[in-house]
């Protein structure tokens, strides 16, 4: 992660109030994922703001050539 994160993709999903789990799929950029740590913010509602922020998922992409 950097000091100035960039939004790479944005999508919406409709869920019911009974949903307590789920999954998502991130399509890689055309140039592929650069090695690093990424953060995926999860928001509830129509607006993306501090008030609709629910949680985040972090994941790491490692260099496949790493020994």
N, C-alpha and C. Protein backbone atom coordinates (compact mmCIF):
# COMPACT_ATOMS: atom_id res chain seq x y z
N UNK A 1 0.84 -1.18 0.00
CA UNK A 1 0.00 0.00 0.00
C UNK A 1 0.88 1.23 0.00
N UNK A 2 0.38 2.26 -0.57
CA UNK A 2 1.11 3.51 -0.61
C UNK A 2 0.34 4.58 0.14
N UNK A 3 0.96 5.72 0.31
CA UNK A 3 0.30 6.83 0.99
C UNK A 3 -0.88 7.36 0.17
N UNK A 4 -0.82 7.20 -1.15
CA UNK A 4 -1.86 7.71 -2.03
C UNK A 4 -2.51 6.54 -2.78
N UNK A 5 -3.44 5.81 -2.12
CA UNK A 5 -4.03 4.64 -2.77
C UNK A 5 -4.88 5.04 -3.97
N UNK A 6 -4.89 4.18 -4.96
CA UNK A 6 -5.68 4.40 -6.17
C UNK A 6 -6.84 3.42 -6.20
N UNK A 7 -7.99 3.90 -6.63
CA UNK A 7 -9.13 3.01 -6.84
C UNK A 7 -8.93 2.31 -8.17
N UNK A 8 -8.89 0.98 -8.14
CA UNK A 8 -8.66 0.21 -9.35
C UNK A 8 -9.97 -0.26 -9.97
N UNK A 9 -10.90 -0.72 -9.14
CA UNK A 9 -12.19 -1.19 -9.64
C UNK A 9 -13.26 -0.84 -8.61
N UNK A 10 -14.48 -0.77 -9.09
CA UNK A 10 -15.61 -0.53 -8.20
C UNK A 10 -16.77 -1.33 -8.73
N UNK A 11 -17.54 -1.96 -7.83
CA UNK A 11 -18.67 -2.76 -8.23
C UNK A 11 -19.73 -2.67 -7.16
N UNK A 12 -20.93 -3.13 -7.46
CA UNK A 12 -22.02 -3.13 -6.50
C UNK A 12 -22.63 -4.51 -6.43
N UNK A 13 -23.20 -4.82 -5.27
CA UNK A 13 -23.88 -6.09 -5.09
C UNK A 13 -25.08 -5.87 -4.19
N UNK A 14 -26.17 -6.55 -4.47
CA UNK A 14 -27.37 -6.46 -3.64
C UNK A 14 -27.41 -7.69 -2.74
N UNK A 15 -27.63 -7.48 -1.45
CA UNK A 15 -27.74 -8.60 -0.52
C UNK A 15 -28.99 -8.40 0.34
N UNK A 16 -29.41 -9.46 1.00
CA UNK A 16 -30.54 -9.36 1.93
C UNK A 16 -29.99 -9.13 3.33
N UNK A 17 -30.85 -8.73 4.23
CA UNK A 17 -30.40 -8.47 5.60
C UNK A 17 -30.00 -9.74 6.33
N UNK A 18 -30.38 -10.91 5.79
CA UNK A 18 -30.00 -12.18 6.43
C UNK A 18 -28.62 -12.66 6.02
N UNK A 19 -28.03 -12.03 4.98
CA UNK A 19 -26.70 -12.44 4.54
C UNK A 19 -25.66 -12.06 5.57
N UNK A 20 -24.87 -13.04 5.98
CA UNK A 20 -23.80 -12.77 6.95
C UNK A 20 -22.44 -13.16 6.41
N UNK A 21 -22.42 -13.66 5.19
CA UNK A 21 -21.15 -14.03 4.57
C UNK A 21 -21.31 -13.92 3.06
N UNK A 22 -20.20 -13.99 2.38
CA UNK A 22 -20.25 -13.90 0.93
C UNK A 22 -18.85 -13.97 0.36
N UNK A 23 -18.72 -13.64 -0.89
CA UNK A 23 -17.42 -13.66 -1.54
C UNK A 23 -17.42 -12.60 -2.63
N UNK A 24 -16.26 -12.27 -3.10
CA UNK A 24 -16.14 -11.37 -4.23
C UNK A 24 -14.95 -11.81 -5.05
N UNK A 25 -14.93 -11.37 -6.29
CA UNK A 25 -13.88 -11.73 -7.23
C UNK A 25 -13.35 -10.45 -7.85
N UNK A 26 -12.07 -10.25 -7.78
CA UNK A 26 -11.45 -9.08 -8.39
C UNK A 26 -10.80 -9.49 -9.69
N UNK A 27 -11.22 -8.90 -10.77
CA UNK A 27 -10.61 -9.16 -12.06
C UNK A 27 -9.28 -8.43 -12.12
N UNK A 28 -8.19 -9.12 -12.45
CA UNK A 28 -6.88 -8.46 -12.48
C UNK A 28 -6.82 -7.38 -13.55
N UNK A 29 -6.05 -6.33 -13.32
CA UNK A 29 -5.84 -5.33 -14.36
C UNK A 29 -5.23 -5.98 -15.60
N UNK A 30 -5.37 -5.34 -16.75
CA UNK A 30 -4.83 -5.91 -18.00
C UNK A 30 -3.33 -6.14 -17.91
N UNK A 31 -2.64 -5.29 -17.17
CA UNK A 31 -1.18 -5.44 -17.02
C UNK A 31 -0.81 -6.44 -15.93
N UNK A 32 -1.82 -7.01 -15.25
CA UNK A 32 -1.57 -7.95 -14.16
C UNK A 32 -1.40 -7.22 -12.83
N UNK A 33 -1.44 -7.98 -11.75
CA UNK A 33 -1.26 -7.41 -10.42
C UNK A 33 0.23 -7.20 -10.16
N UNK A 34 0.59 -6.02 -9.78
CA UNK A 34 1.97 -5.76 -9.35
C UNK A 34 2.15 -6.30 -7.95
N UNK A 35 3.32 -6.85 -7.62
CA UNK A 35 3.54 -7.33 -6.26
C UNK A 35 3.32 -6.21 -5.25
N UNK A 36 2.71 -6.56 -4.14
CA UNK A 36 2.45 -5.57 -3.09
C UNK A 36 1.28 -5.97 -2.24
N UNK A 37 0.92 -5.10 -1.31
CA UNK A 37 -0.21 -5.32 -0.42
C UNK A 37 -1.36 -4.45 -0.92
N UNK A 38 -2.53 -5.04 -1.06
CA UNK A 38 -3.71 -4.34 -1.56
C UNK A 38 -4.78 -4.32 -0.48
N UNK A 39 -5.64 -3.32 -0.54
CA UNK A 39 -6.76 -3.19 0.39
C UNK A 39 -8.04 -3.03 -0.40
N UNK A 40 -9.05 -3.81 -0.04
CA UNK A 40 -10.35 -3.74 -0.68
C UNK A 40 -11.35 -3.25 0.36
N UNK A 41 -11.84 -2.02 0.20
CA UNK A 41 -12.81 -1.46 1.14
C UNK A 41 -14.21 -1.96 0.83
N UNK A 42 -14.95 -2.30 1.87
CA UNK A 42 -16.33 -2.77 1.73
C UNK A 42 -17.27 -1.73 2.31
N UNK A 43 -18.26 -1.32 1.54
CA UNK A 43 -19.18 -0.26 1.94
C UNK A 43 -20.61 -0.76 1.80
N UNK A 44 -21.51 -0.23 2.62
CA UNK A 44 -22.93 -0.58 2.56
C UNK A 44 -23.70 0.63 2.08
N UNK A 45 -24.66 0.42 1.19
CA UNK A 45 -25.49 1.52 0.72
C UNK A 45 -25.05 2.02 -0.65
N UNK A 46 -25.65 3.12 -1.05
CA UNK A 46 -25.42 3.68 -2.38
C UNK A 46 -24.18 4.57 -2.46
N UNK A 47 -23.76 5.14 -1.36
CA UNK A 47 -22.66 6.09 -1.35
C UNK A 47 -21.41 5.47 -0.73
N UNK A 48 -20.25 5.83 -1.25
CA UNK A 48 -18.98 5.40 -0.68
C UNK A 48 -18.46 6.55 0.18
N UNK A 49 -18.54 6.38 1.49
CA UNK A 49 -18.09 7.42 2.41
C UNK A 49 -17.68 6.79 3.73
N UNK A 50 -17.18 7.61 4.62
CA UNK A 50 -16.80 7.13 5.95
C UNK A 50 -18.01 6.59 6.71
N UNK A 51 -19.20 7.09 6.39
CA UNK A 51 -20.42 6.65 7.08
C UNK A 51 -20.91 5.30 6.59
N UNK A 52 -20.60 4.94 5.35
CA UNK A 52 -21.07 3.67 4.80
C UNK A 52 -19.99 2.59 4.82
N UNK A 53 -18.82 2.92 5.34
CA UNK A 53 -17.71 1.97 5.43
C UNK A 53 -18.06 0.85 6.40
N UNK A 54 -17.89 -0.40 5.97
CA UNK A 54 -18.24 -1.55 6.80
C UNK A 54 -16.99 -2.30 7.26
N UNK A 55 -16.12 -2.63 6.32
CA UNK A 55 -14.94 -3.43 6.64
C UNK A 55 -13.97 -3.34 5.47
N UNK A 56 -12.86 -4.03 5.61
CA UNK A 56 -11.90 -4.10 4.52
C UNK A 56 -11.26 -5.47 4.47
N UNK A 57 -10.79 -5.81 3.29
CA UNK A 57 -10.07 -7.06 3.08
C UNK A 57 -8.71 -6.68 2.51
N UNK A 58 -7.66 -7.23 3.07
CA UNK A 58 -6.32 -6.98 2.56
C UNK A 58 -5.76 -8.27 1.99
N UNK A 59 -4.99 -8.13 0.92
CA UNK A 59 -4.34 -9.31 0.35
C UNK A 59 -3.00 -8.90 -0.23
N UNK A 60 -2.13 -9.88 -0.34
CA UNK A 60 -0.77 -9.64 -0.82
C UNK A 60 -0.56 -10.39 -2.13
N UNK A 61 0.05 -9.72 -3.08
CA UNK A 61 0.46 -10.34 -4.34
C UNK A 61 1.97 -10.44 -4.30
N UNK A 62 2.47 -11.66 -4.47
CA UNK A 62 3.92 -11.89 -4.41
C UNK A 62 4.47 -12.13 -5.80
N UNK A 63 5.70 -11.79 -6.00
CA UNK A 63 6.38 -12.00 -7.26
C UNK A 63 6.52 -13.50 -7.49
N UNK A 64 6.05 -13.99 -8.61
CA UNK A 64 6.10 -15.44 -8.89
C UNK A 64 7.52 -15.92 -9.15
N UNK A 65 8.44 -15.02 -9.45
CA UNK A 65 9.83 -15.39 -9.70
C UNK A 65 10.67 -15.39 -8.43
N UNK A 66 10.04 -15.10 -7.31
CA UNK A 66 10.76 -15.03 -6.04
C UNK A 66 11.26 -16.41 -5.63
N UNK A 67 12.53 -16.47 -5.26
CA UNK A 67 13.11 -17.76 -4.82
C UNK A 67 13.00 -17.93 -3.34
